[in-house]
Structure formats: C-alpha cells, structure tokens
Amino acid sequence: MSGPGGSFTKRDQRRATRQEQYQQRQQERQRQRQREIRRQRLIRGAIIGGVVLIVVILLIVISQFVFRAGSQGGASPSGAVALNAKPATGQAVDGLTCLPEQGGVMHIHQYLELYINGQRVNANPGIGIVDSANCLYPLHVHDNEANIIHNESNTVTTFTLGQFFDIWGVKLSSSQVGQYTVDSSHKLVVEVFDASGRMAVYTGNPYNLPLQERQTIYVLYNSPNVKPAAWDGWSSFNG
C-alpha cells in the first residue's frame, strides 16, 4: 500500500490488476501447454494404432496366402518352401480329361517324395480333384492320402510323372522344378524304388518318368542330405 497511512491507492489497484492479469495469462499458457501435450499424445496414439492395424492386416493376408498355397499342394507343412503351383481347374491337360468319375479298368498308385533345398514339399490332397467343376483327372490325390498318386483309367495306360505335375500346375523338367532352376550348385536327382523295394537312379528327363504300380519316387532338388527309402505304407494301404 502506497497511500498515506498505508491506504490502498489507485496505483496499487492497477498494480494488483496487472498481477492478476499476468497470473491469468500464465495459467492460460499452462492450460494451453497441457492441451497441446494431450493433442500430441492422441496423435502419437493414433499413429501407433494405425501402424499396429496395418501390421495385423499384413499378417492376416500373408497367413491366408500361405494357407491357400498349402491347401493347393503348393507348400511344405512348415511353409518354409513354396512352389508356384497353378492347379488345373477342369480343362484338358496333356490330353487328360477331367470327368465326374474315372474308369476302373486300371487303378494303380505311386508315392511321391519331393524335396526342395532339403525341405519336404507335400503333394497335398485335392490335386487333380476339381470340386468347383465336380470332376477329377486320371491322376489325382485323395483326402487323407498326401503324396499318394492315384492312376485311374478306362484303359491300361502308362502315365508319366510330368503329366501329374502338369495337373498340379508345377513345372518339371531336367532343368527345373517349379520356380527352382538346376545349375552346377543346385542339382536335381530322381531316385525310384519299384514295388519290390529296389532303387534305381532315373537319369532321363523326370517329366517322362513312367508311373508304375507301387513305386516310391524321390524328386530331390538341391537336397543331397536326404536319404531316400521305399515307402513302408503299401502293406496297409487299401486304395
């Protein structure tokens, strides 16, 4: 107080008013900073949430792709190796017709073992069976019988391994399995066990390998450590 006898003057009132206004401005600045902090937190939260959502969507898309590839016989059980398979959808393939049922004059089987870079790739059930067209090819794989190739025909016919791979939609030749090409460091070896268990190396084009009853066929791309053995399930197989 600056007036006589300690009285409160107009100058004191103006000073007090300025102090109040200063305090109000300080409080407003503080509230503004708090609002800005909350806004930045909301923006960061939205960005993080968006990134997480995108990652989740990508994982779902990738998992669905892998599942579809596996269900069409294009991937190993672990998903470590996938083939670019484009299965036949009912059109004639190598002169083989997709029919509502195949003949019973000839009905034989082979067991296929395919390895890519040391990883097993299954010929999964459904290859050669087109549900959408209600038909199946003479070469096909039934439910719960992965890798067992059924050969069914109205006449006694010798099919080839290449015809099965064409129905599967996987390229096969002396220089290629699917999208994997053969070179000096990536060799392709084909070994075949006959019905009696005797093994022979097939040195020709694997596409032309003739299919015979109860063969075990190993197609080994860059898989030198795989030790082939005749399939031991024929004794209990009732196909």
Protein backbone atom coordinates (compact mmCIF):
# COMPACT_ATOMS: atom_id res chain seq x y z
CA MET A 1 0.00 0.00 0.00
CA SER A 2 1.43 3.27 -1.08
CA GLY A 3 -1.17 5.85 0.16
CA PRO A 4 -1.00 7.96 3.31
CA GLY A 5 -1.26 5.88 6.41
CA GLY A 6 -0.94 2.70 4.36
CA SER A 7 -4.11 3.25 2.39
CA PHE A 8 -4.80 1.41 -0.90
CA THR A 9 -4.38 3.79 -3.83
CA LYS A 10 -5.42 3.59 -7.47
CA ARG A 11 -1.82 2.82 -8.34
CA ASP A 12 -2.00 -0.19 -6.03
CA GLN A 13 -5.22 -1.25 -7.70
CA ARG A 14 -3.64 -1.02 -11.14
CA ARG A 15 -0.63 -2.98 -9.94
CA ALA A 16 -2.87 -5.69 -8.46
CA THR A 17 -4.87 -5.82 -11.67
CA ARG A 18 -1.70 -6.27 -13.72
CA GLN A 19 -0.57 -9.06 -11.39
CA GLU A 20 -3.92 -10.82 -11.73
CA GLN A 21 -3.79 -10.46 -15.50
CA TYR A 22 -0.23 -11.82 -15.54
CA GLN A 23 -1.28 -14.80 -13.39
CA GLN A 24 -4.27 -15.42 -15.66
CA ARG A 25 -2.01 -15.33 -18.73
CA GLN A 26 0.37 -17.76 -17.05
CA GLN A 27 -2.50 -20.08 -16.17
CA GLU A 28 -3.84 -19.87 -19.73
CA ARG A 29 -0.40 -20.68 -21.14
CA GLN A 30 -0.17 -23.67 -18.79
CA ARG A 31 -3.61 -24.89 -19.86
CA GLN A 32 -2.60 -24.41 -23.50
CA ARG A 33 0.57 -26.45 -22.97
CA GLN A 34 -1.47 -29.21 -21.31
CA ARG A 35 -3.91 -29.20 -24.24
CA GLU A 36 -1.00 -29.39 -26.69
CA ILE A 37 0.55 -32.29 -24.76
CA ARG A 38 -2.78 -34.17 -24.81
CA ARG A 39 -3.16 -33.48 -28.55
CA GLN A 40 0.33 -34.78 -29.28
CA ARG A 41 -0.34 -37.88 -27.21
CA LEU A 42 -3.55 -38.50 -29.15
CA ILE A 43 -1.72 -38.09 -32.46
CA ARG A 44 1.05 -40.48 -31.38
CA GLY A 45 -1.52 -42.99 -30.16
CA ALA A 46 -3.39 -42.79 -33.47
CA ILE A 47 -0.17 -43.27 -35.46
CA ILE A 48 0.91 -46.23 -33.34
CA GLY A 49 -2.58 -47.74 -33.55
CA GLY A 50 -2.59 -47.31 -37.33
CA VAL A 51 0.80 -48.98 -37.69
CA VAL A 52 -0.31 -51.88 -35.50
CA LEU A 53 -3.50 -52.27 -37.55
CA ILE A 54 -1.53 -52.32 -40.81
CA VAL A 55 0.87 -54.95 -39.42
CA VAL A 56 -2.05 -57.11 -38.27
CA ILE A 57 -3.73 -56.84 -41.69
CA LEU A 58 -0.48 -57.77 -43.45
CA LEU A 59 0.00 -60.78 -41.17
CA ILE A 60 -3.57 -61.92 -41.89
CA VAL A 61 -3.08 -61.53 -45.64
CA ILE A 62 0.24 -63.41 -45.55
CA SER A 63 -1.20 -66.22 -43.41
CA GLN A 64 -4.17 -66.60 -45.78
CA PHE A 65 -1.82 -66.72 -48.77
CA VAL A 66 0.30 -69.41 -47.14
CA PHE A 67 -2.82 -71.39 -46.18
CA ARG A 68 -4.21 -71.27 -49.71
CA ALA A 69 -0.86 -72.32 -51.15
CA GLY A 70 -0.68 -75.26 -48.75
CA SER A 71 -4.27 -76.33 -49.43
CA GLN A 72 -3.47 -76.47 -53.15
CA GLY A 73 -0.39 -78.59 -52.65
CA GLY A 74 1.98 -75.68 -53.07
CA ALA A 75 3.80 -75.60 -49.73
CA SER A 76 5.56 -77.76 -47.23
CA PRO A 77 3.94 -78.35 -43.81
CA SER A 78 6.27 -75.79 -42.25
CA GLY A 79 5.69 -73.28 -45.02
CA ALA A 80 9.48 -72.99 -45.45
CA VAL A 81 9.32 -73.84 -49.16
CA ALA A 82 6.55 -72.93 -51.54
CA LEU A 83 6.06 -73.86 -55.18
CA ASN A 84 4.40 -71.57 -57.69
CA ALA A 85 1.57 -74.03 -58.28
CA LYS A 86 -1.35 -73.25 -60.58
CA PRO A 87 -3.54 -76.37 -60.38
CA ALA A 88 -5.71 -77.37 -63.30
CA THR A 89 -9.31 -76.22 -62.97
CA GLY A 90 -11.11 -78.67 -65.24
CA GLN A 91 -9.59 -78.03 -68.67
CA ALA A 92 -7.92 -80.87 -70.59
CA VAL A 93 -4.28 -81.28 -69.54
CA ASP A 94 -1.84 -83.25 -71.71
CA GLY A 95 -4.85 -84.92 -73.30
CA LEU A 96 -6.21 -85.97 -69.91
CA THR A 97 -9.85 -85.07 -69.31
CA CYS A 98 -11.43 -84.10 -66.01
CA LEU A 99 -14.53 -86.31 -65.60
CA PRO A 100 -17.21 -86.83 -62.93
CA GLU A 101 -15.64 -90.25 -62.37
CA GLN A 102 -12.67 -92.12 -63.80
CA GLY A 103 -12.68 -95.65 -65.10
CA GLY A 104 -11.88 -98.75 -63.10
CA VAL A 105 -10.06 -100.84 -65.69
CA MET A 106 -6.75 -99.62 -64.32
CA HIS A 107 -6.21 -98.30 -60.80
CA ILE A 108 -2.62 -98.14 -59.56
CA HIS A 109 -0.64 -95.87 -57.20
CA GLN A 110 2.72 -94.24 -56.55
CA TYR A 111 4.16 -92.49 -53.53
CA LEU A 112 5.89 -89.19 -54.29
CA GLU A 113 8.59 -87.61 -52.13
CA LEU A 114 9.56 -84.10 -53.26
CA TYR A 115 12.33 -82.13 -51.56
CA ILE A 116 13.39 -78.57 -52.33
CA ASN A 117 16.56 -77.29 -50.66
CA GLY A 118 16.32 -80.10 -48.13
CA GLN A 119 12.71 -79.28 -47.21
CA ARG A 120 9.89 -81.70 -47.88
CA VAL A 121 7.05 -80.41 -50.06
CA ASN A 122 3.82 -82.38 -49.91
CA ALA A 123 1.64 -83.25 -52.85
CA ASN A 124 -1.44 -82.44 -50.81
CA PRO A 125 -4.93 -83.94 -51.09
CA GLY A 126 -7.03 -82.27 -53.74
CA ILE A 127 -4.51 -82.21 -56.55
CA GLY A 128 -6.36 -83.35 -59.67
CA ILE A 129 -9.77 -83.07 -57.97
CA VAL A 130 -11.79 -80.03 -59.02
CA ASP A 131 -14.75 -79.58 -56.69
CA SER A 132 -16.00 -76.48 -58.50
CA ALA A 133 -16.36 -78.49 -61.72
CA ASN A 134 -17.37 -81.73 -59.97
CA CYS A 135 -14.67 -83.69 -61.77
CA LEU A 136 -11.31 -85.37 -61.28
CA TYR A 137 -8.37 -86.15 -63.52
CA PRO A 138 -6.99 -89.66 -64.10
CA LEU A 139 -4.04 -88.61 -61.89
CA HIS A 140 -5.12 -87.22 -58.52
CA VAL A 141 -4.60 -87.25 -54.75
CA HIS A 142 -7.46 -88.19 -52.41
CA ASP A 143 -8.32 -86.84 -48.97
CA ASN A 144 -6.07 -88.01 -46.12
CA GLU A 145 -3.62 -89.50 -48.64
CA ALA A 146 -0.97 -86.83 -49.16
CA ASN A 147 1.70 -87.81 -51.71
CA ILE A 148 -0.16 -90.90 -52.95
CA ILE A 149 -0.86 -90.52 -56.66
CA HIS A 150 -3.91 -92.41 -57.92
CA ASN A 151 -3.86 -93.53 -61.57
CA GLU A 152 -7.36 -94.40 -62.80
CA SER A 153 -8.32 -95.12 -66.39
CA ASN A 154 -10.81 -96.99 -68.58
CA THR A 155 -7.84 -98.46 -70.44
CA VAL A 156 -4.44 -99.76 -69.39
CA THR A 157 -2.34 -96.63 -69.79
CA THR A 158 1.14 -95.64 -68.72
CA PHE A 159 1.05 -92.11 -67.39
CA THR A 160 4.14 -90.03 -66.68
CA LEU A 161 5.29 -88.05 -63.67
CA GLY A 162 5.25 -84.93 -65.83
CA GLN A 163 1.53 -85.33 -66.50
CA PHE A 164 0.86 -85.36 -62.77
CA PHE A 165 2.99 -82.25 -62.29
CA ASP A 166 1.12 -80.52 -65.14
CA ILE A 167 -2.20 -81.23 -63.40
CA TRP A 168 -0.64 -79.98 -60.16
CA GLY A 169 0.43 -76.87 -62.04
CA VAL A 170 4.12 -77.22 -61.16
CA LYS A 171 6.78 -77.16 -63.87
CA LEU A 172 9.02 -80.22 -64.07
CA SER A 173 11.94 -80.96 -66.36
CA SER A 174 15.63 -81.85 -66.22
CA SER A 175 16.38 -78.18 -65.58
CA GLN A 176 13.53 -77.05 -63.37
CA VAL A 177 11.16 -77.93 -60.52
CA GLY A 178 8.53 -75.24 -60.11
CA GLN A 179 10.37 -71.93 -59.99
CA TYR A 180 13.64 -73.59 -58.92
CA THR A 181 16.20 -73.99 -61.69
CA VAL A 182 19.01 -76.51 -61.91
CA ASP A 183 22.65 -75.44 -62.14
CA SER A 184 26.09 -76.65 -61.07
CA SER A 185 25.38 -75.91 -57.40
CA HIS A 186 21.67 -76.84 -57.41
CA LYS A 187 21.35 -80.35 -58.76
CA LEU A 188 18.24 -82.38 -59.48
CA VAL A 189 18.31 -86.08 -58.61
CA VAL A 190 15.47 -88.53 -59.18
CA GLU A 191 15.52 -91.92 -57.45
CA VAL A 192 12.84 -94.55 -57.87
CA PHE A 193 12.04 -97.61 -55.77
CA ASP A 194 9.99 -100.25 -57.55
CA ALA A 195 7.29 -102.39 -55.94
CA SER A 196 9.91 -104.82 -54.62
CA GLY A 197 11.94 -102.03 -53.00
CA ARG A 198 14.80 -101.97 -55.48
CA MET A 199 16.16 -98.48 -56.11
CA ALA A 200 17.40 -97.01 -59.38
CA VAL A 201 18.50 -93.50 -60.29
CA TYR A 202 16.41 -92.10 -63.14
CA THR A 203 18.80 -90.23 -65.44
CA GLY A 204 16.33 -89.10 -68.08
CA ASN A 205 14.01 -86.14 -68.07
CA PRO A 206 11.89 -86.64 -64.93
CA TYR A 207 8.89 -85.35 -66.88
CA ASN A 208 8.97 -88.60 -68.88
CA LEU A 209 9.35 -90.95 -65.91
CA PRO A 210 6.72 -93.70 -66.42
CA LEU A 211 4.41 -94.33 -63.48
CA GLN A 212 4.23 -97.96 -62.34
CA GLU A 213 2.38 -99.70 -59.55
CA ARG A 214 3.64 -99.03 -56.01
CA GLN A 215 6.68 -97.00 -56.91
CA THR A 216 8.27 -94.66 -54.40
CA ILE A 217 9.55 -91.66 -56.36
CA TYR A 218 12.03 -89.18 -54.90
CA VAL A 219 12.48 -85.85 -56.67
CA LEU A 220 15.39 -84.13 -54.93
CA TYR A 221 16.28 -80.56 -55.82
CA ASN A 222 19.43 -79.32 -54.05
CA SER A 223 18.84 -81.89 -51.31
CA PRO A 224 21.99 -84.04 -51.09
CA ASN A 225 21.46 -84.89 -47.42
CA VAL A 226 18.08 -86.58 -47.93
CA LYS A 227 18.36 -90.36 -47.62
CA PRO A 228 15.68 -91.98 -49.81
CA ALA A 229 13.89 -95.13 -48.68
CA ALA A 230 10.98 -97.08 -50.11
CA TRP A 231 7.63 -96.04 -48.61
CA ASP A 232 6.62 -98.60 -46.00
CA GLY A 233 2.88 -97.91 -46.10
CA TRP A 234 1.89 -100.13 -49.02
CA SER A 235 1.14 -103.14 -46.82
CA SER A 236 -1.63 -101.25 -45.02
CA PHE A 237 -2.81 -99.17 -47.99
CA ASN A 238 -6.28 -100.02 -49.28
CA GLY A 239 -6.58 -97.53 -52.13
